[in-house]
Protein backbone atom coordinates (compact mmCIF):
# COMPACT_ATOMS: atom_id res chain seq x y z
CA UNK A 1 -12.05 24.67 9.32
CA UNK A 2 -13.32 26.57 6.27
CA UNK A 3 -10.68 25.06 4.00
CA UNK A 4 -11.17 21.58 5.47
CA UNK A 5 -14.94 21.81 4.93
CA UNK A 6 -14.43 22.87 1.31
CA UNK A 7 -12.03 19.92 0.87
CA UNK A 8 -14.56 17.49 2.36
CA UNK A 9 -17.24 18.90 0.05
CA UNK A 10 -14.93 18.44 -2.98
CA UNK A 11 -14.19 14.87 -1.89
CA UNK A 12 -17.91 14.10 -1.42
CA UNK A 13 -18.67 15.45 -4.92
CA UNK A 14 -16.58 12.76 -6.55
CA UNK A 15 -18.16 9.54 -5.21
CA UNK A 16 -20.47 10.66 -2.39
CA UNK A 17 -18.10 9.67 0.43
CA UNK A 18 -18.84 11.75 3.54
CA UNK A 19 -16.11 12.86 5.91
CA UNK A 20 -16.24 14.51 9.30
CA UNK A 21 -14.15 17.66 9.59
CA UNK A 22 -12.56 18.89 12.81
CA UNK A 23 -9.57 18.81 15.08
CA UNK A 24 -7.68 15.54 15.15
CA UNK A 25 -8.23 15.07 18.88
CA UNK A 26 -12.04 15.22 18.63
CA UNK A 27 -12.62 13.91 15.16
CA UNK A 28 -10.31 10.88 15.04
CA UNK A 29 -8.39 10.28 18.28
CA UNK A 30 -5.92 11.93 20.66
CA UNK A 31 -2.59 12.16 18.87
CA UNK A 32 -0.27 14.59 20.62
CA UNK A 33 2.93 15.28 18.70
CA UNK A 34 1.32 14.43 15.36
CA UNK A 35 2.48 15.87 12.04
CA UNK A 36 0.08 18.82 12.27
CA UNK A 37 1.55 19.78 15.66
CA UNK A 38 5.05 19.49 14.22
CA UNK A 39 4.16 21.60 11.18
CA UNK A 40 2.64 24.33 13.39
CA UNK A 41 5.77 24.28 15.57
CA UNK A 42 7.77 25.17 12.45
CA UNK A 43 5.51 28.06 11.65
CA UNK A 44 3.40 26.40 8.96
CA UNK A 45 0.10 28.26 8.99
CA UNK A 46 -2.02 25.71 7.13
CA UNK A 47 -1.53 22.10 8.18
CA UNK A 48 -4.01 19.24 7.72
CA UNK A 49 -4.32 15.59 8.64
CA UNK A 50 -6.08 13.67 5.89
CA UNK A 51 -7.59 10.21 6.44
CA UNK A 52 -8.67 7.91 3.66
CA UNK A 53 -12.16 6.51 3.40
CA UNK A 54 -13.01 3.86 5.98
CA UNK A 55 -12.67 0.24 4.91
CA UNK A 56 -15.70 -2.05 4.92
CA UNK A 57 -16.52 -3.23 8.40
CA UNK A 58 -14.51 -6.27 9.46
CA UNK A 59 -11.75 -5.29 6.99
CA UNK A 60 -8.64 -3.50 8.13
CA UNK A 61 -7.64 -1.86 4.86
CA UNK A 62 -9.32 -0.23 1.88
CA UNK A 63 -10.27 -2.95 -0.60
CA UNK A 64 -8.26 -3.16 -3.80
CA UNK A 65 -11.47 -2.44 -5.74
CA UNK A 66 -11.80 0.90 -3.90
CA UNK A 67 -8.26 2.16 -4.37
CA UNK A 68 -8.94 4.07 -7.56
CA UNK A 69 -12.04 5.78 -6.16
CA UNK A 70 -10.17 6.60 -2.96
CA UNK A 71 -7.40 8.21 -4.99
CA UNK A 72 -9.83 10.21 -7.14
CA UNK A 73 -11.73 11.68 -4.20
CA UNK A 74 -8.57 12.32 -2.13
CA UNK A 75 -7.01 14.09 -5.10
CA UNK A 76 -10.08 16.38 -5.33
CA UNK A 77 -9.76 17.22 -1.62
CA UNK A 78 -6.03 17.88 -1.81
CA UNK A 79 -6.38 20.09 -4.88
CA UNK A 80 -9.05 22.10 -3.08
CA UNK A 81 -6.76 22.54 -0.09
CA UNK A 82 -3.89 23.67 -2.36
CA UNK A 83 -6.14 26.09 -4.23
CA UNK A 84 -7.59 27.60 -1.05
CA UNK A 85 -4.19 27.98 0.67
CA UNK A 86 -2.75 29.57 -2.48
CA UNK A 87 -5.67 32.02 -2.62
CA UNK A 88 -5.22 32.98 1.07
CA UNK A 89 -1.47 33.39 0.89
CA UNK A 90 -1.69 35.60 -2.20
CA UNK A 91 -4.11 37.96 -0.47
CA UNK A 92 -2.11 38.35 2.73
């Protein structure tokens, strides 16, 4: 949760987009057998499910005009995750 919260903070710092952080089942929806479950079953210690920003209401997908901003903020979050995991695995 600490890494996910830092990633959400990094994401928010780019364009102000706010994300909720938490387990998939309580934050998004029940998804047994998801990729995080699969990764944990293989012994992966740090596994995350990342969602993109929500589209405008009544639209199903992120608008073309928001793709670049979505990529920029998602990149910031992923880089934070990578940095934090690298830090933790070096100190173990």
